[in-house]
Amino acid sequence: MMTFLINRALHALAVLFGVVSIAFALMHLAGDPLAGLIPPGASPQVEAQIRHVYGLDRPRAEQYVEFVGRALRGDFGDSWRQGRPALEAVLERLPATVALTALAMALAVAVGGTLGVIAAANPGSLWDIAARLTTLLGQAIPAFWLGTLLILVFAADLHWLPSSGLESPSGVILPALALAAYPAATLTRLLRATMVETLGADYVRTARGKGLSRRSIVIGHALRNAVLPALAFTGLQAGFLLGGAVIVENVFAYPGIGGLALDAVASRDIPLIEAFVWVVALLILVINTLSAAVATVLDPRLRRDHVLLGSAA
């Protein structure tokens, strides 16, 4: 386990280094970072002074080295629009986004897990057909369109839930439903495929021949073998949920980091954009590391592989 944690820590540092490097390159390839801050018709002296204040009058290589060093420490400077530390502005709104994505993932696991197990246990039945049609719809409908539909039905028509904001805890329900649709559909397909394959294996037929109940076979064999792929899927979906939250939060005027990110892009607030990218990348790394650690604990083969890798190193 120690070898696993060390490998993951080194991997995380390498990924963060790559992310901040790409962010730096993209911000400068997109044009002059200060294009929106330099007043029209400003004199060359004023422009030079502004560039000096933001450290953009130095060689690009020097800017890059300083930026990477500060970014790896979580220091992105002050937001050009808000006038306060960029990381502080992102972290202020982060809890709302974490709550949204956590609820969306919980809904996806609950709905997708239930539909996947039912479909796999009853292949070819009406339950199976209904589950497969539901997954097709869930994967085909864009989150922003589904979000708009949910607002029209449950907020504007039925008045059951608020359409925007987070004045009450119920304000997170509709955004979470819109965000959870795609991962729930994907998890359903994953579980069904994995469990159907397992139920057709020789050792499962042997278990049936020994008189094991259908429930024991479905849960004890098929579902058990599907847990690890589902766990890996959960870690991979972290990036999708955090990326999708940017769109969904704007549809529902939800006070998370999504609206902050779009405002930063629209105003070319470079420190704020870089802080947003860094925080999202770090969150994805943490979630993936946790899911991999849980998988390592659950599967002895993975623990053995890590030991062998550590010995070879």
Protein backbone atom coordinates (compact mmCIF):
# COMPACT_ATOMS: atom_id res chain seq x y z
CA MET A 1 0.00 0.00 0.00
CA MET A 2 2.86 2.38 0.74
CA THR A 3 4.28 1.78 -2.72
CA PHE A 4 0.86 2.50 -4.17
CA LEU A 5 0.57 5.79 -2.27
CA ILE A 6 4.07 6.90 -3.30
CA ASN A 7 3.39 6.07 -6.94
CA ARG A 8 0.10 7.93 -6.83
CA ALA A 9 1.70 10.99 -5.20
CA LEU A 10 4.40 11.13 -7.87
CA HIS A 11 1.78 10.66 -10.56
CA ALA A 12 -0.30 13.50 -9.08
CA LEU A 13 2.67 15.87 -9.07
CA ALA A 14 3.46 15.01 -12.69
CA VAL A 15 -0.16 15.57 -13.73
CA LEU A 16 -0.39 18.88 -11.88
CA PHE A 17 2.84 20.01 -13.50
CA GLY A 18 1.43 19.10 -16.91
CA VAL A 19 -1.88 20.82 -16.22
CA VAL A 20 -0.35 24.11 -15.12
CA SER A 21 2.07 24.01 -18.07
CA ILE A 22 -0.76 23.51 -20.55
CA ALA A 23 -2.81 26.22 -18.85
CA PHE A 24 0.08 28.66 -19.13
CA ALA A 25 0.58 27.86 -22.81
CA LEU A 26 -3.11 28.17 -23.68
CA MET A 27 -3.49 31.48 -21.89
CA HIS A 28 -0.67 32.98 -23.94
CA LEU A 29 -1.57 31.30 -27.23
CA ALA A 30 -5.08 32.74 -27.00
CA GLY A 31 -3.75 36.27 -27.53
CA ASP A 32 -2.58 39.10 -25.34
CA PRO A 33 -3.59 38.24 -21.75
CA LEU A 34 -3.95 41.94 -20.95
CA ALA A 35 -6.05 42.83 -23.99
CA GLY A 36 -9.07 43.56 -21.82
CA LEU A 37 -7.16 45.52 -19.17
CA ILE A 38 -5.30 48.00 -21.33
CA PRO A 39 -7.58 51.00 -22.02
CA PRO A 40 -8.22 51.80 -25.70
CA GLY A 41 -5.82 54.44 -26.95
CA ALA A 42 -3.48 54.03 -23.99
CA SER A 43 0.00 55.43 -24.50
CA PRO A 44 2.95 53.05 -24.83
CA GLN A 45 4.13 54.22 -21.41
CA VAL A 46 0.83 53.31 -19.75
CA GLU A 47 0.76 49.94 -21.53
CA ALA A 48 4.33 49.20 -20.45
CA GLN A 49 3.48 50.12 -16.86
CA ILE A 50 0.46 47.77 -16.83
CA ARG A 51 2.54 44.92 -18.24
CA HIS A 52 5.19 45.55 -15.59
CA VAL A 53 2.60 45.46 -12.80
CA TYR A 54 1.40 42.02 -13.93
CA GLY A 55 4.90 40.74 -14.66
CA LEU A 56 4.27 40.30 -18.39
CA ASP A 57 7.17 42.43 -19.54
CA ARG A 58 9.71 39.71 -18.74
CA PRO A 59 10.90 36.89 -21.04
CA ARG A 60 8.31 34.16 -21.56
CA ALA A 61 10.59 31.46 -20.11
CA GLU A 62 11.06 33.47 -16.91
CA GLN A 63 7.31 33.97 -16.63
CA TYR A 64 6.76 30.24 -17.08
CA VAL A 65 9.25 29.19 -14.40
CA GLU A 66 7.79 31.63 -11.89
CA PHE A 67 4.23 30.65 -12.76
CA VAL A 68 4.85 26.91 -12.36
CA GLY A 69 6.59 27.44 -9.04
CA ARG A 70 3.73 29.55 -7.68
CA ALA A 71 1.03 27.29 -9.14
CA LEU A 72 2.45 24.16 -7.52
CA ARG A 73 2.18 26.06 -4.22
CA GLY A 74 -1.38 27.13 -5.01
CA ASP A 75 -0.45 30.80 -5.49
CA PHE A 76 -2.04 32.28 -8.63
CA GLY A 77 -1.94 35.91 -7.60
CA ASP A 78 -4.93 38.23 -7.41
CA SER A 79 -7.93 38.04 -9.70
CA TRP A 80 -7.71 40.86 -12.21
CA ARG A 81 -11.42 41.62 -11.90
CA GLN A 82 -12.13 40.91 -8.23
CA GLY A 83 -8.88 42.24 -6.80
CA ARG A 84 -8.44 39.38 -4.31
CA PRO A 85 -6.53 36.06 -4.39
CA ALA A 86 -7.82 33.99 -7.30
CA LEU A 87 -7.61 30.73 -5.37
CA GLU A 88 -9.64 32.25 -2.54
CA ALA A 89 -12.39 33.21 -5.00
CA VAL A 90 -12.54 29.65 -6.37
CA LEU A 91 -12.46 27.97 -2.96
CA GLU A 92 -15.26 30.22 -1.75
CA ARG A 93 -17.65 28.71 -4.30
CA LEU A 94 -16.19 25.22 -4.31
CA PRO A 95 -18.38 23.71 -1.52
CA ALA A 96 -21.55 24.36 -3.54
CA THR A 97 -20.09 22.58 -6.57
CA VAL A 98 -18.81 19.67 -4.46
CA ALA A 99 -22.28 19.26 -2.94
CA LEU A 100 -23.85 19.28 -6.41
CA THR A 101 -21.45 16.76 -7.93
CA ALA A 102 -21.58 14.50 -4.86
CA LEU A 103 -25.38 14.39 -4.97
CA ALA A 104 -25.31 13.82 -8.74
CA MET A 105 -22.89 10.92 -8.35
CA ALA A 106 -24.97 9.42 -5.52
CA LEU A 107 -28.07 9.60 -7.72
CA ALA A 108 -26.17 8.11 -10.66
CA VAL A 109 -24.92 5.19 -8.56
CA ALA A 110 -28.34 4.56 -7.01
CA VAL A 111 -30.31 4.75 -10.26
CA GLY A 112 -27.68 3.26 -12.55
CA GLY A 113 -26.83 0.48 -10.12
CA THR A 114 -30.46 -0.49 -9.63
CA LEU A 115 -31.32 -0.45 -13.35
CA GLY A 116 -28.14 -2.31 -14.25
CA VAL A 117 -28.76 -5.12 -11.78
CA ILE A 118 -32.43 -5.48 -12.77
CA ALA A 119 -31.58 -5.53 -16.48
CA ALA A 120 -28.79 -8.09 -16.03
CA ALA A 121 -30.90 -10.35 -13.84
CA ASN A 122 -33.75 -10.32 -16.36
CA PRO A 123 -32.16 -10.29 -19.83
CA GLY A 124 -34.64 -9.91 -22.67
CA SER A 125 -37.51 -9.02 -20.34
CA LEU A 126 -39.58 -5.84 -20.35
CA TRP A 127 -37.45 -4.62 -17.43
CA ASP A 128 -34.33 -5.11 -19.53
CA ILE A 129 -35.82 -3.35 -22.56
CA ALA A 130 -37.05 -0.44 -20.42
CA ALA A 131 -33.64 -0.07 -18.75
CA ARG A 132 -31.84 -0.09 -22.10
CA LEU A 133 -34.20 2.52 -23.58
CA THR A 134 -33.70 4.67 -20.49
CA THR A 135 -29.93 4.48 -20.90
CA LEU A 136 -30.20 5.54 -24.54
CA LEU A 137 -32.21 8.60 -23.54
CA GLY A 138 -29.89 9.42 -20.66
CA GLN A 139 -26.83 9.33 -22.89
CA ALA A 140 -28.47 11.18 -25.80
CA ILE A 141 -30.06 14.16 -24.04
CA PRO A 142 -27.63 17.04 -23.35
CA ALA A 143 -27.48 18.16 -19.74
CA PHE A 144 -28.40 21.78 -20.55
CA TRP A 145 -31.52 20.63 -22.49
CA LEU A 146 -32.56 18.27 -19.70
CA GLY A 147 -31.98 21.04 -17.17
CA THR A 148 -34.25 23.39 -19.11
CA LEU A 149 -36.93 20.68 -19.32
CA LEU A 150 -36.72 20.04 -15.58
CA ILE A 151 -37.15 23.76 -14.88
CA LEU A 152 -40.23 23.96 -17.13
CA VAL A 153 -41.89 20.91 -15.56
CA PHE A 154 -40.95 20.95 -11.87
CA ALA A 155 -40.41 24.69 -11.29
CA ALA A 156 -42.51 26.66 -13.79
CA ASP A 157 -45.45 24.24 -14.13
CA LEU A 158 -45.72 22.16 -10.95
CA HIS A 159 -43.93 24.63 -8.63
CA TRP A 160 -42.44 21.75 -6.67
CA LEU A 161 -38.82 22.88 -6.70
CA PRO A 162 -36.96 26.18 -7.17
CA SER A 163 -35.67 26.91 -10.67
CA SER A 164 -32.45 28.63 -9.64
CA GLY A 165 -30.20 29.67 -6.81
CA LEU A 166 -29.46 27.94 -3.53
CA GLU A 167 -31.68 29.80 -1.09
CA SER A 168 -32.88 26.43 0.24
CA PRO A 169 -31.36 22.93 0.19
CA SER A 170 -33.96 21.89 -2.41
CA GLY A 171 -32.25 24.19 -4.90
CA VAL A 172 -29.63 21.52 -5.56
CA ILE A 173 -32.10 18.78 -6.58
CA LEU A 174 -32.89 19.80 -10.17
CA PRO A 175 -29.25 20.57 -11.10
CA ALA A 176 -28.19 17.23 -9.61
CA LEU A 177 -30.83 15.37 -11.63
CA ALA A 178 -29.69 17.04 -14.85
CA LEU A 179 -26.06 16.29 -14.09
CA ALA A 180 -26.69 12.69 -13.01
CA ALA A 181 -28.54 11.52 -16.13
CA TYR A 182 -25.53 10.68 -18.31
CA PRO A 183 -23.39 8.87 -15.69
CA ALA A 184 -26.46 6.95 -14.48
CA ALA A 185 -27.15 5.75 -18.02
CA THR A 186 -23.51 4.82 -18.59
CA LEU A 187 -23.29 2.96 -15.27
CA THR A 188 -26.43 1.01 -16.15
CA ARG A 189 -24.89 -0.19 -19.41
CA LEU A 190 -21.58 -1.02 -17.71
CA LEU A 191 -23.16 -3.05 -14.92
CA ARG A 192 -25.52 -4.87 -17.26
CA ALA A 193 -22.74 -5.85 -19.68
CA THR A 194 -20.38 -6.98 -16.91
CA MET A 195 -23.02 -8.95 -15.02
CA VAL A 196 -24.47 -10.63 -18.13
CA GLU A 197 -20.98 -11.76 -19.10
CA THR A 198 -20.38 -13.14 -15.61
CA LEU A 199 -23.74 -14.92 -15.50
CA GLY A 200 -22.73 -16.82 -18.63
CA ALA A 201 -19.41 -18.02 -17.21
CA ASP A 202 -18.71 -21.69 -16.53
CA TYR A 203 -18.31 -21.29 -12.77
CA VAL A 204 -21.73 -19.62 -12.56
CA ARG A 205 -23.32 -22.54 -14.40
CA THR A 206 -21.55 -24.82 -11.93
CA ALA A 207 -23.01 -22.79 -9.06
CA ARG A 208 -26.47 -23.21 -10.55
CA GLY A 209 -25.87 -26.95 -10.82
CA LYS A 210 -25.00 -27.06 -7.12
CA GLY A 211 -28.38 -25.58 -6.31
CA LEU A 212 -27.41 -22.00 -5.36
CA SER A 213 -30.36 -19.64 -5.43
CA ARG A 214 -30.76 -17.09 -8.21
CA ARG A 215 -30.38 -14.26 -5.71
CA SER A 216 -27.08 -15.67 -4.41
CA ILE A 217 -25.72 -16.05 -7.94
CA VAL A 218 -26.73 -12.56 -9.06
CA ILE A 219 -25.45 -10.80 -5.95
CA GLY A 220 -22.64 -13.10 -4.83
CA HIS A 221 -21.07 -13.66 -8.25
CA ALA A 222 -22.29 -11.25 -10.94
CA LEU A 223 -22.63 -8.09 -8.87
CA ARG A 224 -19.45 -8.79 -6.94
CA ASN A 225 -17.43 -9.00 -10.17
CA ALA A 226 -19.03 -5.79 -11.43
CA VAL A 227 -18.05 -3.74 -8.38
CA LEU A 228 -14.46 -3.02 -9.45
CA PRO A 229 -15.34 -1.82 -12.98
CA ALA A 230 -18.11 0.31 -11.46
CA LEU A 231 -15.66 1.76 -8.95
CA ALA A 232 -13.20 2.63 -11.71
CA PHE A 233 -16.08 4.20 -13.64
CA THR A 234 -16.96 6.36 -10.63
CA GLY A 235 -13.44 7.76 -10.49
CA LEU A 236 -13.38 8.46 -14.22
CA GLN A 237 -16.75 10.21 -14.07
CA ALA A 238 -15.38 12.79 -11.63
CA GLY A 239 -13.94 14.78 -14.52
CA PHE A 240 -17.19 14.57 -16.47
CA LEU A 241 -19.26 15.74 -13.52
CA LEU A 242 -17.00 18.66 -12.70
CA GLY A 243 -16.90 19.69 -16.36
CA GLY A 244 -20.64 19.25 -16.77
CA ALA A 245 -21.24 21.27 -13.62
CA VAL A 246 -19.94 24.35 -15.44
CA ILE A 247 -22.85 24.14 -17.90
CA VAL A 248 -25.51 22.93 -15.49
CA GLU A 249 -24.70 25.57 -12.88
CA ASN A 250 -25.23 28.30 -15.44
CA VAL A 251 -28.56 26.84 -16.57
CA PHE A 252 -29.83 26.91 -12.98
CA ALA A 253 -27.94 30.05 -11.86
CA TYR A 254 -26.36 27.80 -9.24
CA PRO A 255 -23.71 29.59 -7.12
CA GLY A 256 -20.82 27.21 -7.76
CA ILE A 257 -17.51 27.50 -9.58
CA GLY A 258 -19.16 27.00 -12.99
CA GLY A 259 -20.49 30.53 -13.27
CA LEU A 260 -17.25 31.86 -11.86
CA ALA A 261 -15.28 30.01 -14.54
CA LEU A 262 -17.41 31.31 -17.42
CA ASP A 263 -17.20 34.87 -16.09
CA ALA A 264 -13.42 34.51 -15.83
CA VAL A 265 -13.19 33.29 -19.43
CA ALA A 266 -15.46 36.08 -20.70
CA SER A 267 -13.40 38.74 -18.92
CA ARG A 268 -10.03 37.03 -19.64
CA ASP A 269 -9.25 36.94 -15.92
CA ILE A 270 -6.14 34.76 -16.33
CA PRO A 271 -5.31 34.17 -12.63
CA LEU A 272 -8.90 33.11 -11.96
CA ILE A 273 -8.97 30.74 -14.95
CA GLU A 274 -5.68 29.17 -13.89
CA ALA A 275 -6.87 28.74 -10.30
CA PHE A 276 -10.07 27.10 -11.54
CA VAL A 277 -8.18 24.64 -13.77
CA TRP A 278 -5.75 23.79 -10.94
CA VAL A 279 -8.53 23.16 -8.39
CA VAL A 280 -10.54 20.96 -10.79
CA ALA A 281 -7.44 18.96 -11.75
CA LEU A 282 -6.54 18.45 -8.09
CA LEU A 283 -10.07 17.31 -7.24
CA ILE A 284 -10.06 14.79 -10.08
CA LEU A 285 -6.69 13.44 -8.95
CA VAL A 286 -7.89 13.06 -5.35
CA ILE A 287 -11.08 11.26 -6.40
CA ASN A 288 -9.23 8.93 -8.78
CA THR A 289 -6.63 8.16 -6.11
CA LEU A 290 -9.33 7.33 -3.56
CA SER A 291 -11.20 5.07 -5.99
CA ALA A 292 -7.96 3.30 -6.92
CA ALA A 293 -7.08 2.88 -3.23
CA VAL A 294 -10.48 1.34 -2.48
CA ALA A 295 -10.10 -1.00 -5.46
CA THR A 296 -6.67 -2.03 -4.18
CA VAL A 297 -8.13 -2.85 -0.78
CA LEU A 298 -11.01 -4.84 -2.28
CA ASP A 299 -8.97 -6.82 -4.81
CA PRO A 300 -5.96 -8.77 -3.45
CA ARG A 301 -4.60 -9.14 -6.99
CA LEU A 302 -4.09 -5.40 -7.24
CA ARG A 303 -2.24 -5.36 -3.92
CA ARG A 304 0.03 -8.13 -5.20
CA ASP A 305 0.67 -6.22 -8.44
CA HIS A 306 1.70 -3.11 -6.49
CA VAL A 307 4.08 -5.17 -4.38
CA LEU A 308 5.63 -6.72 -7.49
CA LEU A 309 6.00 -3.31 -9.11
CA GLY A 310 7.63 -1.94 -5.99
CA SER A 311 10.05 -4.89 -5.85
CA ALA A 312 10.94 -4.50 -9.52
CA ALA A 313 11.63 -0.82 -9.00
